[in-house]
Amino acid sequence: MTEGANGGTTLELQGQLIGPWIGELEQLCAPLMRRGTRLNLDLNAVSFVAYDGVQLLCALRCQGVTIGDCSTFVLEQLRTGAAHGT
């Protein structure tokens, strides 16, 4: 977790967003968002996102979280998830 000078926080995720890590991410983001923290997720080192993770990321994005620095594969997962209403 990196806190920027502008009051925003960047979470740098690594590996795969699967199983229990989806819940961990949700639990980490929830209090930050309640405090009004500008939240950014750096997915540069994420190689795969499970369906439930795509749903969570799409929901977070709808709540104002910035999601960036994705691989082409993960970006396509997010586009497909958003197109299916997740």
C-alpha atoms as a PDB file:
ATOM      1  CA  MET A   1       0.000   0.000   0.000  1.00  0.00           C
ATOM      2  CA  THR A   2       1.345   3.377  -1.011  1.00  0.00           C
ATOM      3  CA  GLU A   3      -0.103   6.675   0.125  1.00  0.00           C
ATOM      4  CA  GLY A   4       0.276   9.537  -2.323  1.00  0.00           C
ATOM      5  CA  ALA A   5       0.799  13.196  -1.557  1.00  0.00           C
ATOM      6  CA  ASN A   6      -2.700  13.985  -2.864  1.00  0.00           C
ATOM      7  CA  GLY A   7      -4.355  11.878  -0.150  1.00  0.00           C
ATOM      8  CA  GLY A   8      -4.916   8.919  -2.435  1.00  0.00           C
ATOM      9  CA  THR A   9      -3.879   5.366  -1.705  1.00  0.00           C
ATOM     10  CA  THR A  10      -2.552   2.863  -4.234  1.00  0.00           C
ATOM     11  CA  LEU A  11      -2.780  -0.861  -3.613  1.00  0.00           C
ATOM     12  CA  GLU A  12      -0.338  -2.864  -5.717  1.00  0.00           C
ATOM     13  CA  LEU A  13      -1.740  -6.351  -6.261  1.00  0.00           C
ATOM     14  CA  GLN A  14       0.359  -9.333  -7.335  1.00  0.00           C
ATOM     15  CA  GLY A  15      -0.288 -12.864  -8.508  1.00  0.00           C
ATOM     16  CA  GLN A  16      -3.834 -14.068  -9.016  1.00  0.00           C
ATOM     17  CA  LEU A  17      -7.022 -12.569  -7.610  1.00  0.00           C
ATOM     18  CA  ILE A  18      -8.739 -15.830  -6.701  1.00  0.00           C
ATOM     19  CA  GLY A  19     -10.405 -17.567  -3.761  1.00  0.00           C
ATOM     20  CA  PRO A  20      -9.805 -15.981  -0.364  1.00  0.00           C
ATOM     21  CA  TRP A  21      -7.800 -13.098  -1.870  1.00  0.00           C
ATOM     22  CA  ILE A  22     -11.008 -11.660  -3.313  1.00  0.00           C
ATOM     23  CA  GLY A  23     -12.503 -11.302   0.161  1.00  0.00           C
ATOM     24  CA  GLU A  24      -9.219  -9.934   1.491  1.00  0.00           C
ATOM     25  CA  LEU A  25      -9.210  -7.226  -1.164  1.00  0.00           C
ATOM     26  CA  GLU A  26     -12.817  -6.326  -0.396  1.00  0.00           C
ATOM     27  CA  GLN A  27     -12.070  -6.106   3.342  1.00  0.00           C
ATOM     28  CA  LEU A  28      -9.041  -3.932   2.674  1.00  0.00           C
ATOM     29  CA  CYS A  29     -10.865  -1.545   0.329  1.00  0.00           C
ATOM     30  CA  ALA A  30     -14.087  -1.093   2.338  1.00  0.00           C
ATOM     31  CA  PRO A  31     -12.705   0.986   5.248  1.00  0.00           C
ATOM     32  CA  LEU A  32     -10.579   3.108   2.926  1.00  0.00           C
ATOM     33  CA  MET A  33     -13.594   3.913   0.794  1.00  0.00           C
ATOM     34  CA  ARG A  34     -15.748   4.675   3.859  1.00  0.00           C
ATOM     35  CA  ARG A  35     -13.127   7.263   4.880  1.00  0.00           C
ATOM     36  CA  GLY A  36     -13.358   8.834   1.443  1.00  0.00           C
ATOM     37  CA  THR A  37      -9.847   7.834   0.447  1.00  0.00           C
ATOM     38  CA  ARG A  38      -9.134   8.097  -3.271  1.00  0.00           C
ATOM     39  CA  LEU A  39      -8.266   4.505  -4.000  1.00  0.00           C
ATOM     40  CA  ASN A  40      -6.191   3.231  -6.910  1.00  0.00           C
ATOM     41  CA  LEU A  41      -5.556  -0.433  -7.692  1.00  0.00           C
ATOM     42  CA  ASP A  42      -2.367  -1.233  -9.586  1.00  0.00           C
ATOM     43  CA  LEU A  43      -2.887  -4.589 -11.308  1.00  0.00           C
ATOM     44  CA  ASN A  44       0.412  -4.611 -13.200  1.00  0.00           C
ATOM     45  CA  ALA A  45       1.610  -7.811 -11.491  1.00  0.00           C
ATOM     46  CA  VAL A  46      -1.760  -9.622 -11.587  1.00  0.00           C
ATOM     47  CA  SER A  47      -1.833 -12.517 -14.052  1.00  0.00           C
ATOM     48  CA  PHE A  48      -5.419 -13.767 -13.579  1.00  0.00           C
ATOM     49  CA  VAL A  49      -8.677 -12.665 -11.970  1.00  0.00           C
ATOM     50  CA  ALA A  50     -11.373 -15.222 -11.098  1.00  0.00           C
ATOM     51  CA  TYR A  51     -14.996 -14.456 -11.994  1.00  0.00           C
ATOM     52  CA  ASP A  52     -15.837 -13.272  -8.447  1.00  0.00           C
ATOM     53  CA  GLY A  53     -12.767 -11.048  -8.538  1.00  0.00           C
ATOM     54  CA  VAL A  54     -13.909  -9.512 -11.827  1.00  0.00           C
ATOM     55  CA  GLN A  55     -17.282  -8.814 -10.215  1.00  0.00           C
ATOM     56  CA  LEU A  56     -15.578  -7.131  -7.251  1.00  0.00           C
ATOM     57  CA  LEU A  57     -13.264  -5.041  -9.429  1.00  0.00           C
ATOM     58  CA  CYS A  58     -16.172  -3.892 -11.608  1.00  0.00           C
ATOM     59  CA  ALA A  59     -18.168  -2.967  -8.486  1.00  0.00           C
ATOM     60  CA  LEU A  60     -15.198  -1.069  -7.036  1.00  0.00           C
ATOM     61  CA  ARG A  61     -14.725   0.788 -10.308  1.00  0.00           C
ATOM     62  CA  CYS A  62     -18.411   1.795 -10.222  1.00  0.00           C
ATOM     63  CA  GLN A  63     -17.776   3.190  -6.732  1.00  0.00           C
ATOM     64  CA  GLY A  64     -14.968   5.420  -7.980  1.00  0.00           C
ATOM     65  CA  VAL A  65     -11.915   3.221  -7.484  1.00  0.00           C
ATOM     66  CA  THR A  66      -9.324   3.689 -10.226  1.00  0.00           C
ATOM     67  CA  ILE A  67      -8.087   0.439 -11.718  1.00  0.00           C
ATOM     68  CA  GLY A  68      -4.985   0.691 -13.805  1.00  0.00           C
ATOM     69  CA  ASP A  69      -1.812  -0.766 -15.154  1.00  0.00           C
ATOM     70  CA  CYS A  70      -3.435  -4.078 -16.165  1.00  0.00           C
ATOM     71  CA  SER A  71      -2.065  -6.683 -18.493  1.00  0.00           C
ATOM     72  CA  THR A  72      -3.977  -7.054 -21.741  1.00  0.00           C
ATOM     73  CA  PHE A  73      -5.429 -10.337 -20.461  1.00  0.00           C
ATOM     74  CA  VAL A  74      -6.748  -8.871 -17.187  1.00  0.00           C
ATOM     75  CA  LEU A  75      -8.051  -5.794 -19.014  1.00  0.00           C
ATOM     76  CA  GLU A  76     -10.032  -8.075 -21.314  1.00  0.00           C
ATOM     77  CA  GLN A  77     -11.388  -9.969 -18.293  1.00  0.00           C
ATOM     78  CA  LEU A  78     -12.622  -6.662 -16.857  1.00  0.00           C
ATOM     79  CA  ARG A  79     -14.145  -5.560 -20.189  1.00  0.00           C
ATOM     80  CA  THR A  80     -15.941  -8.883 -20.556  1.00  0.00           C
ATOM     81  CA  GLY A  81     -17.183  -8.709 -16.963  1.00  0.00           C
ATOM     82  CA  ALA A  82     -18.433  -5.146 -17.405  1.00  0.00           C
ATOM     83  CA  ALA A  83     -20.187  -6.105 -20.654  1.00  0.00           C
ATOM     84  CA  HIS A  84     -22.026  -8.851 -18.782  1.00  0.00           C
ATOM     85  CA  GLY A  85     -23.279  -6.435 -16.142  1.00  0.00           C
ATOM     86  CA  THR A  86     -20.937  -7.410 -13.338  1.00  0.00           C
END
